[in-house]
Amino acid sequence: MDIPQGNRIDDGLEQQLQIGMSRNQVEFLLGSPAIVDLYRPDQWYYYYYLKTGDDGKIVKRHLTLTFSNDLLSKIDGTLSPG
């Protein structure tokens, strides 16, 4: 049995992200962020963790999105295949 946690973020979704998108567009595409820091409300954090049941492979994904004037201005992230 696969064990997914967090917001599912695959390469297809990340490729659809574009600088200049509104917060609403980003939320429609990725869902609500896992974390919105009260001290940095212009940064949204998305996390995804998947452990596959067949071989125990672990995939971790982290995206940090930064907004400026309510528009996406920076995308940082990592992909860690197991």
PDB file of N, CA and C in Angstrom:
ATOM      1  N   MET A   1       0.844  -1.173   0.000  1.00  0.00           N
ATOM      2  CA  MET A   1       0.000   0.000   0.000  1.00  0.00           C
ATOM      3  C   MET A   1       0.896   1.246   0.000  1.00  0.00           C
ATOM      4  N   ASP A   2       0.628   2.185  -0.907  1.00  0.00           N
ATOM      5  CA  ASP A   2       1.359   3.443  -0.959  1.00  0.00           C
ATOM      6  C   ASP A   2       0.922   4.356   0.183  1.00  0.00           C
ATOM      7  N   ILE A   3       1.865   5.123   0.720  1.00  0.00           N
ATOM      8  CA  ILE A   3       1.564   6.057   1.800  1.00  0.00           C
ATOM      9  C   ILE A   3       1.924   7.467   1.348  1.00  0.00           C
ATOM     10  N   PRO A   4       0.947   8.229   0.814  1.00  0.00           N
ATOM     11  CA  PRO A   4       1.223   9.616   0.429  1.00  0.00           C
ATOM     12  C   PRO A   4       0.844  10.574   1.560  1.00  0.00           C
ATOM     13  N   GLN A   5       1.599  11.643   1.683  1.00  0.00           N
ATOM     14  CA  GLN A   5       1.283  12.674   2.672  1.00  0.00           C
ATOM     15  C   GLN A   5       1.553  14.038   2.057  1.00  0.00           C
ATOM     16  N   GLY A   6       0.739  15.023   2.411  1.00  0.00           N
ATOM     17  CA  GLY A   6       0.938  16.393   1.940  1.00  0.00           C
ATOM     18  C   GLY A   6       0.255  16.646   0.609  1.00  0.00           C
ATOM     19  N   ASN A   7       0.693  17.692  -0.054  1.00  0.00           N
ATOM     20  CA  ASN A   7       0.154  18.085  -1.351  1.00  0.00           C
ATOM     21  C   ASN A   7       0.890  17.326  -2.447  1.00  0.00           C
ATOM     22  N   ARG A   8       0.140  16.629  -3.295  1.00  0.00           N
ATOM     23  CA  ARG A   8       0.778  15.903  -4.388  1.00  0.00           C
ATOM     24  C   ARG A   8       1.357  16.907  -5.379  1.00  0.00           C
ATOM     25  N   ILE A   9       2.661  16.842  -5.554  1.00  0.00           N
ATOM     26  CA  ILE A   9       3.361  17.743  -6.463  1.00  0.00           C
ATOM     27  C   ILE A   9       4.175  16.877  -7.409  1.00  0.00           C
ATOM     28  N   ASP A  10       3.777  16.814  -8.657  1.00  0.00           N
ATOM     29  CA  ASP A  10       4.569  16.075  -9.627  1.00  0.00           C
ATOM     30  C   ASP A  10       5.155  17.062 -10.638  1.00  0.00           C
ATOM     31  N   ASP A  11       6.004  16.561 -11.511  1.00  0.00           N
ATOM     32  CA  ASP A  11       6.677  17.439 -12.470  1.00  0.00           C
ATOM     33  C   ASP A  11       5.685  18.186 -13.362  1.00  0.00           C
ATOM     34  N   GLY A  12       4.581  17.539 -13.713  1.00  0.00           N
ATOM     35  CA  GLY A  12       3.583  18.175 -14.563  1.00  0.00           C
ATOM     36  C   GLY A  12       2.975  19.407 -13.912  1.00  0.00           C
ATOM     37  N   LEU A  13       2.666  19.302 -12.623  1.00  0.00           N
ATOM     38  CA  LEU A  13       2.098  20.455 -11.912  1.00  0.00           C
ATOM     39  C   LEU A  13       3.125  21.564 -11.761  1.00  0.00           C
ATOM     40  N   GLU A  14       4.354  21.184 -11.429  1.00  0.00           N
ATOM     41  CA  GLU A  14       5.385  22.204 -11.242  1.00  0.00           C
ATOM     42  C   GLU A  14       5.660  22.945 -12.549  1.00  0.00           C
ATOM     43  N   GLN A  15       5.596  22.247 -13.664  1.00  0.00           N
ATOM     44  CA  GLN A  15       5.836  22.888 -14.959  1.00  0.00           C
ATOM     45  C   GLN A  15       4.724  23.860 -15.330  1.00  0.00           C
ATOM     46  N   GLN A  16       3.529  23.679 -14.761  1.00  0.00           N
ATOM     47  CA  GLN A  16       2.425  24.595 -15.032  1.00  0.00           C
ATOM     48  C   GLN A  16       2.530  25.888 -14.230  1.00  0.00           C
ATOM     49  N   LEU A  17       3.337  25.870 -13.155  1.00  0.00           N
ATOM     50  CA  LEU A  17       3.543  27.088 -12.372  1.00  0.00           C
ATOM     51  C   LEU A  17       4.302  28.098 -13.212  1.00  0.00           C
ATOM     52  N   GLN A  18       3.849  29.340 -13.168  1.00  0.00           N
ATOM     53  CA  GLN A  18       4.520  30.387 -13.924  1.00  0.00           C
ATOM     54  C   GLN A  18       4.645  31.635 -13.074  1.00  0.00           C
ATOM     55  N   ILE A  19       5.795  32.277 -13.176  1.00  0.00           N
ATOM     56  CA  ILE A  19       5.987  33.556 -12.508  1.00  0.00           C
ATOM     57  C   ILE A  19       4.903  34.506 -13.010  1.00  0.00           C
ATOM     58  N   GLY A  20       4.298  35.244 -12.091  1.00  0.00           N
ATOM     59  CA  GLY A  20       3.240  36.180 -12.451  1.00  0.00           C
ATOM     60  C   GLY A  20       1.834  35.658 -12.192  1.00  0.00           C
ATOM     61  N   MET A  21       1.712  34.368 -11.817  1.00  0.00           N
ATOM     62  CA  MET A  21       0.392  33.825 -11.493  1.00  0.00           C
ATOM     63  C   MET A  21      -0.101  34.440 -10.187  1.00  0.00           C
ATOM     64  N   SER A  22      -1.411  34.592 -10.072  1.00  0.00           N
ATOM     65  CA  SER A  22      -1.997  35.119  -8.842  1.00  0.00           C
ATOM     66  C   SER A  22      -2.033  34.019  -7.771  1.00  0.00           C
ATOM     67  N   ARG A  23      -2.241  34.424  -6.526  1.00  0.00           N
ATOM     68  CA  ARG A  23      -2.361  33.444  -5.435  1.00  0.00           C
ATOM     69  C   ARG A  23      -3.509  32.475  -5.701  1.00  0.00           C
ATOM     70  N   ASN A  24      -4.620  32.996  -6.212  1.00  0.00           N
ATOM     71  CA  ASN A  24      -5.773  32.140  -6.507  1.00  0.00           C
ATOM     72  C   ASN A  24      -5.444  31.095  -7.563  1.00  0.00           C
ATOM     73  N   GLN A  25      -4.707  31.485  -8.599  1.00  0.00           N
ATOM     74  CA  GLN A  25      -4.332  30.537  -9.644  1.00  0.00           C
ATOM     75  C   GLN A  25      -3.420  29.445  -9.093  1.00  0.00           C
ATOM     76  N   VAL A  26      -2.462  29.836  -8.242  1.00  0.00           N
ATOM     77  CA  VAL A  26      -1.549  28.858  -7.645  1.00  0.00           C
ATOM     78  C   VAL A  26      -2.325  27.896  -6.752  1.00  0.00           C
ATOM     79  N   GLU A  27      -3.228  28.430  -5.939  1.00  0.00           N
ATOM     80  CA  GLU A  27      -4.009  27.583  -5.042  1.00  0.00           C
ATOM     81  C   GLU A  27      -4.929  26.652  -5.820  1.00  0.00           C
ATOM     82  N   PHE A  28      -5.471  27.106  -6.931  1.00  0.00           N
ATOM     83  CA  PHE A  28      -6.312  26.251  -7.779  1.00  0.00           C
ATOM     84  C   PHE A  28      -5.483  25.094  -8.337  1.00  0.00           C
ATOM     85  N   LEU A  29      -4.236  25.379  -8.722  1.00  0.00           N
ATOM     86  CA  LEU A  29      -3.369  24.372  -9.322  1.00  0.00           C
ATOM     87  C   LEU A  29      -2.836  23.371  -8.295  1.00  0.00           C
ATOM     88  N   LEU A  30      -2.350  23.863  -7.155  1.00  0.00           N
ATOM     89  CA  LEU A  30      -1.671  23.010  -6.178  1.00  0.00           C
ATOM     90  C   LEU A  30      -2.471  22.700  -4.930  1.00  0.00           C
ATOM     91  N   GLY A  31      -3.556  23.424  -4.707  1.00  0.00           N
ATOM     92  CA  GLY A  31      -4.305  23.269  -3.466  1.00  0.00           C
ATOM     93  C   GLY A  31      -3.779  24.230  -2.418  1.00  0.00           C
ATOM     94  N   SER A  32      -4.347  24.168  -1.235  1.00  0.00           N
ATOM     95  CA  SER A  32      -3.912  25.043  -0.143  1.00  0.00           C
ATOM     96  C   SER A  32      -2.496  24.669   0.285  1.00  0.00           C
ATOM     97  N   PRO A  33      -1.675  25.657   0.603  1.00  0.00           N
ATOM     98  CA  PRO A  33      -0.313  25.343   1.031  1.00  0.00           C
ATOM     99  C   PRO A  33      -0.310  24.634   2.384  1.00  0.00           C
ATOM    100  N   ALA A  34       0.709  23.819   2.604  1.00  0.00           N
ATOM    101  CA  ALA A  34       0.845  23.127   3.885  1.00  0.00           C
ATOM    102  C   ALA A  34       1.144  24.121   4.997  1.00  0.00           C
ATOM    103  N   ILE A  35       1.951  25.135   4.681  1.00  0.00           N
ATOM    104  CA  ILE A  35       2.333  26.128   5.690  1.00  0.00           C
ATOM    105  C   ILE A  35       2.311  27.519   5.073  1.00  0.00           C
ATOM    106  N   VAL A  36       1.701  28.460   5.787  1.00  0.00           N
ATOM    107  CA  VAL A  36       1.822  29.881   5.486  1.00  0.00           C
ATOM    108  C   VAL A  36       2.363  30.519   6.763  1.00  0.00           C
ATOM    109  N   ASP A  37       3.586  30.991   6.709  1.00  0.00           N
ATOM    110  CA  ASP A  37       4.263  31.564   7.865  1.00  0.00           C
ATOM    111  C   ASP A  37       3.629  32.910   8.225  1.00  0.00           C
ATOM    112  N   LEU A  38       3.221  33.068   9.469  1.00  0.00           N
ATOM    113  CA  LEU A  38       2.610  34.317   9.902  1.00  0.00           C
ATOM    114  C   LEU A  38       3.560  35.497   9.774  1.00  0.00           C
ATOM    115  N   TYR A  39       4.864  35.238   9.881  1.00  0.00           N
ATOM    116  CA  TYR A  39       5.852  36.305   9.794  1.00  0.00           C
ATOM    117  C   TYR A  39       6.298  36.578   8.362  1.00  0.00           C
ATOM    118  N   ARG A  40       6.000  35.661   7.474  1.00  0.00           N
ATOM    119  CA  ARG A  40       6.306  35.816   6.044  1.00  0.00           C
ATOM    120  C   ARG A  40       5.094  35.372   5.236  1.00  0.00           C
ATOM    121  N   PRO A  41       4.016  36.138   5.269  1.00  0.00           N
ATOM    122  CA  PRO A  41       2.798  35.709   4.576  1.00  0.00           C
ATOM    123  C   PRO A  41       2.934  35.662   3.054  1.00  0.00           C
ATOM    124  N   ASP A  42       4.022  36.216   2.522  1.00  0.00           N
ATOM    125  CA  ASP A  42       4.237  36.166   1.078  1.00  0.00           C
ATOM    126  C   ASP A  42       4.990  34.911   0.650  1.00  0.00           C
ATOM    127  N   GLN A  43       5.196  33.986   1.577  1.00  0.00           N
ATOM    128  CA  GLN A  43       5.803  32.707   1.239  1.00  0.00           C
ATOM    129  C   GLN A  43       4.851  31.574   1.578  1.00  0.00           C
ATOM    130  N   TRP A  44       4.658  30.697   0.617  1.00  0.00           N
ATOM    131  CA  TRP A  44       3.844  29.506   0.812  1.00  0.00           C
ATOM    132  C   TRP A  44       4.752  28.295   0.699  1.00  0.00           C
ATOM    133  N   TYR A  45       4.487  27.289   1.537  1.00  0.00           N
ATOM    134  CA  TYR A  45       5.294  26.082   1.558  1.00  0.00           C
ATOM    135  C   TYR A  45       4.416  24.872   1.233  1.00  0.00           C
ATOM    136  N   TYR A  46       4.877  24.086   0.276  1.00  0.00           N
ATOM    137  CA  TYR A  46       4.193  22.851  -0.109  1.00  0.00           C
ATOM    138  C   TYR A  46       5.150  21.686   0.115  1.00  0.00           C
ATOM    139  N   TYR A  47       4.660  20.623   0.736  1.00  0.00           N
ATOM    140  CA  TYR A  47       5.451  19.435   1.002  1.00  0.00           C
ATOM    141  C   TYR A  47       4.701  18.207   0.497  1.00  0.00           C
ATOM    142  N   TYR A  48       5.456  17.258  -0.043  1.00  0.00           N
ATOM    143  CA  TYR A  48       4.866  15.999  -0.484  1.00  0.00           C
ATOM    144  C   TYR A  48       5.830  14.876  -0.125  1.00  0.00           C
ATOM    145  N   TYR A  49       5.295  13.811   0.425  1.00  0.00           N
ATOM    146  CA  TYR A  49       6.068  12.638   0.817  1.00  0.00           C
ATOM    147  C   TYR A  49       5.297  11.412   0.339  1.00  0.00           C
ATOM    148  N   LEU A  50       5.995  10.497  -0.318  1.00  0.00           N
ATOM    149  CA  LEU A  50       5.370   9.266  -0.785  1.00  0.00           C
ATOM    150  C   LEU A  50       6.297   8.097  -0.512  1.00  0.00           C
ATOM    151  N   LYS A  51       5.767   7.082   0.166  1.00  0.00           N
ATOM    152  CA  LYS A  51       6.482   5.818   0.350  1.00  0.00           C
ATOM    153  C   LYS A  51       5.670   4.759  -0.366  1.00  0.00           C
ATOM    154  N   THR A  52       6.277   4.153  -1.379  1.00  0.00           N
ATOM    155  CA  THR A  52       5.555   3.152  -2.160  1.00  0.00           C
ATOM    156  C   THR A  52       5.519   1.822  -1.425  1.00  0.00           C
ATOM    157  N   GLY A  53       4.419   1.134  -1.583  1.00  0.00           N
ATOM    158  CA  GLY A  53       4.231  -0.143  -0.901  1.00  0.00           C
ATOM    159  C   GLY A  53       4.964  -1.293  -1.559  1.00  0.00           C
ATOM    160  N   ASP A  54       5.200  -1.191  -2.876  1.00  0.00           N
ATOM    161  CA  ASP A  54       5.850  -2.292  -3.591  1.00  0.00           C
ATOM    162  C   ASP A  54       7.310  -2.472  -3.183  1.00  0.00           C
ATOM    163  N   ASP A  55       8.074  -1.398  -3.219  1.00  0.00           N
ATOM    164  CA  ASP A  55       9.510  -1.509  -2.972  1.00  0.00           C
ATOM    165  C   ASP A  55      10.015  -0.593  -1.857  1.00  0.00           C
ATOM    166  N   GLY A  56       9.128   0.142  -1.221  1.00  0.00           N
ATOM    167  CA  GLY A  56       9.529   1.021  -0.133  1.00  0.00           C
ATOM    168  C   GLY A  56      10.247   2.274  -0.581  1.00  0.00           C
ATOM    169  N   LYS A  57      10.193   2.564  -1.873  1.00  0.00           N
ATOM    170  CA  LYS A  57      10.833   3.765  -2.420  1.00  0.00           C
ATOM    171  C   LYS A  57      10.204   5.007  -1.785  1.00  0.00           C
ATOM    172  N   ILE A  58      11.036   5.978  -1.454  1.00  0.00           N
ATOM    173  CA  ILE A  58      10.547   7.220  -0.841  1.00  0.00           C
ATOM    174  C   ILE A  58      10.817   8.390  -1.776  1.00  0.00           C
ATOM    175  N   VAL A  59       9.791   9.186  -2.005  1.00  0.00           N
ATOM    176  CA  VAL A  59       9.907  10.399  -2.809  1.00  0.00           C
ATOM    177  C   VAL A  59       9.524  11.575  -1.921  1.00  0.00           C
ATOM    178  N   LYS A  60      10.384  12.571  -1.873  1.00  0.00           N
ATOM    179  CA  LYS A  60      10.104  13.782  -1.098  1.00  0.00           C
ATOM    180  C   LYS A  60      10.147  14.969  -2.033  1.00  0.00           C
ATOM    181  N   ARG A  61       9.209  15.869  -1.853  1.00  0.00           N
ATOM    182  CA  ARG A  61       9.138  17.070  -2.696  1.00  0.00           C
ATOM    183  C   ARG A  61       8.825  18.257  -1.810  1.00  0.00           C
ATOM    184  N   HIS A  62       9.504  19.348  -2.045  1.00  0.00           N
ATOM    185  CA  HIS A  62       9.300  20.567  -1.268  1.00  0.00           C
ATOM    186  C   HIS A  62       9.312  21.750  -2.221  1.00  0.00           C
ATOM    187  N   LEU A  63       8.315  22.584  -2.139  1.00  0.00           N
ATOM    188  CA  LEU A  63       8.266  23.818  -2.931  1.00  0.00           C
ATOM    189  C   LEU A  63       8.065  24.998  -1.999  1.00  0.00           C
ATOM    190  N   THR A  64       8.825  26.035  -2.217  1.00  0.00           N
ATOM    191  CA  THR A  64       8.625  27.305  -1.533  1.00  0.00           C
ATOM    192  C   THR A  64       8.280  28.323  -2.602  1.00  0.00           C
ATOM    193  N   LEU A  65       7.101  28.908  -2.474  1.00  0.00           N
ATOM    194  CA  LEU A  65       6.644  29.901  -3.441  1.00  0.00           C
ATOM    195  C   LEU A  65       6.628  31.264  -2.775  1.00  0.00           C
ATOM    196  N   THR A  66       7.194  32.248  -3.449  1.00  0.00           N
ATOM    197  CA  THR A  66       7.249  33.605  -2.923  1.00  0.00           C
ATOM    198  C   THR A  66       6.403  34.510  -3.803  1.00  0.00           C
ATOM    199  N   PHE A  67       5.594  35.334  -3.148  1.00  0.00           N
ATOM    200  CA  PHE A  67       4.716  36.263  -3.848  1.00  0.00           C
ATOM    201  C   PHE A  67       5.167  37.697  -3.607  1.00  0.00           C
ATOM    202  N   SER A  68       4.957  38.533  -4.601  1.00  0.00           N
ATOM    203  CA  SER A  68       5.209  39.963  -4.490  1.00  0.00           C
ATOM    204  C   SER A  68       4.011  40.673  -5.105  1.00  0.00           C
ATOM    205  N   ASN A  69       3.351  41.521  -4.335  1.00  0.00           N
ATOM    206  CA  ASN A  69       2.120  42.189  -4.781  1.00  0.00           C
ATOM    207  C   ASN A  69       1.066  41.178  -5.221  1.00  0.00           C
ATOM    208  N   ASP A  70       0.955  40.079  -4.468  1.00  0.00           N
ATOM    209  CA  ASP A  70      -0.014  39.002  -4.712  1.00  0.00           C
ATOM    210  C   ASP A  70       0.206  38.243  -6.020  1.00  0.00           C
ATOM    211  N   LEU A  71       1.393  38.363  -6.615  1.00  0.00           N
ATOM    212  CA  LEU A  71       1.733  37.606  -7.812  1.00  0.00           C
ATOM    213  C   LEU A  71       2.972  36.759  -7.531  1.00  0.00           C
ATOM    214  N   LEU A  72       2.985  35.537  -8.074  1.00  0.00           N
ATOM    215  CA  LEU A  72       4.101  34.622  -7.870  1.00  0.00           C
ATOM    216  C   LEU A  72       5.376  35.226  -8.453  1.00  0.00           C
ATOM    217  N   SER A  73       6.412  35.364  -7.609  1.00  0.00           N
ATOM    218  CA  SER A  73       7.648  35.995  -8.071  1.00  0.00           C
ATOM    219  C   SER A  73       8.861  35.065  -8.020  1.00  0.00           C
ATOM    220  N   LYS A  74       8.782  33.969  -7.230  1.00  0.00           N
ATOM    221  CA  LYS A  74       9.928  33.068  -7.110  1.00  0.00           C
ATOM    222  C   LYS A  74       9.457  31.660  -6.768  1.00  0.00           C
ATOM    223  N   ILE A  75      10.100  30.675  -7.381  1.00  0.00           N
ATOM    224  CA  ILE A  75       9.794  29.263  -7.134  1.00  0.00           C
ATOM    225  C   ILE A  75      11.080  28.556  -6.749  1.00  0.00           C
ATOM    226  N   ASP A  76      11.128  27.974  -5.555  1.00  0.00           N
ATOM    227  CA  ASP A  76      12.265  27.154  -5.126  1.00  0.00           C
ATOM    228  C   ASP A  76      11.738  25.786  -4.773  1.00  0.00           C
ATOM    229  N   GLY A  77      12.514  24.761  -5.064  1.00  0.00           N
ATOM    230  CA  GLY A  77      12.047  23.432  -4.699  1.00  0.00           C
ATOM    231  C   GLY A  77      13.088  22.373  -4.861  1.00  0.00           C
ATOM    232  N   THR A  78      12.768  21.197  -4.324  1.00  0.00           N
ATOM    233  CA  THR A  78      13.663  20.053  -4.416  1.00  0.00           C
ATOM    234  C   THR A  78      12.869  18.796  -4.690  1.00  0.00           C
ATOM    235  N   LEU A  79      13.488  17.873  -5.360  1.00  0.00           N
ATOM    236  CA  LEU A  79      12.912  16.547  -5.589  1.00  0.00           C
ATOM    237  C   LEU A  79      13.942  15.539  -5.139  1.00  0.00           C
ATOM    238  N   SER A  80      13.549  14.651  -4.256  1.00  0.00           N
ATOM    239  CA  SER A  80      14.470  13.649  -3.740  1.00  0.00           C
ATOM    240  C   SER A  80      13.904  12.254  -3.966  1.00  0.00           C
ATOM    241  N   PRO A  81      14.277  11.607  -5.071  1.00  0.00           N
ATOM    242  CA  PRO A  81      13.788  10.238  -5.268  1.00  0.00           C
ATOM    243  C   PRO A  81      14.507   9.282  -4.327  1.00  0.00           C
ATOM    244  N   GLY A  82      13.785   8.225  -3.934  1.00  0.00           N
ATOM    245  CA  GLY A  82      14.359   7.272  -2.999  1.00  0.00           C
ATOM    246  C   GLY A  82      15.289   6.399  -3.642  1.00  0.00           C
TER     247      GLY A  82
END
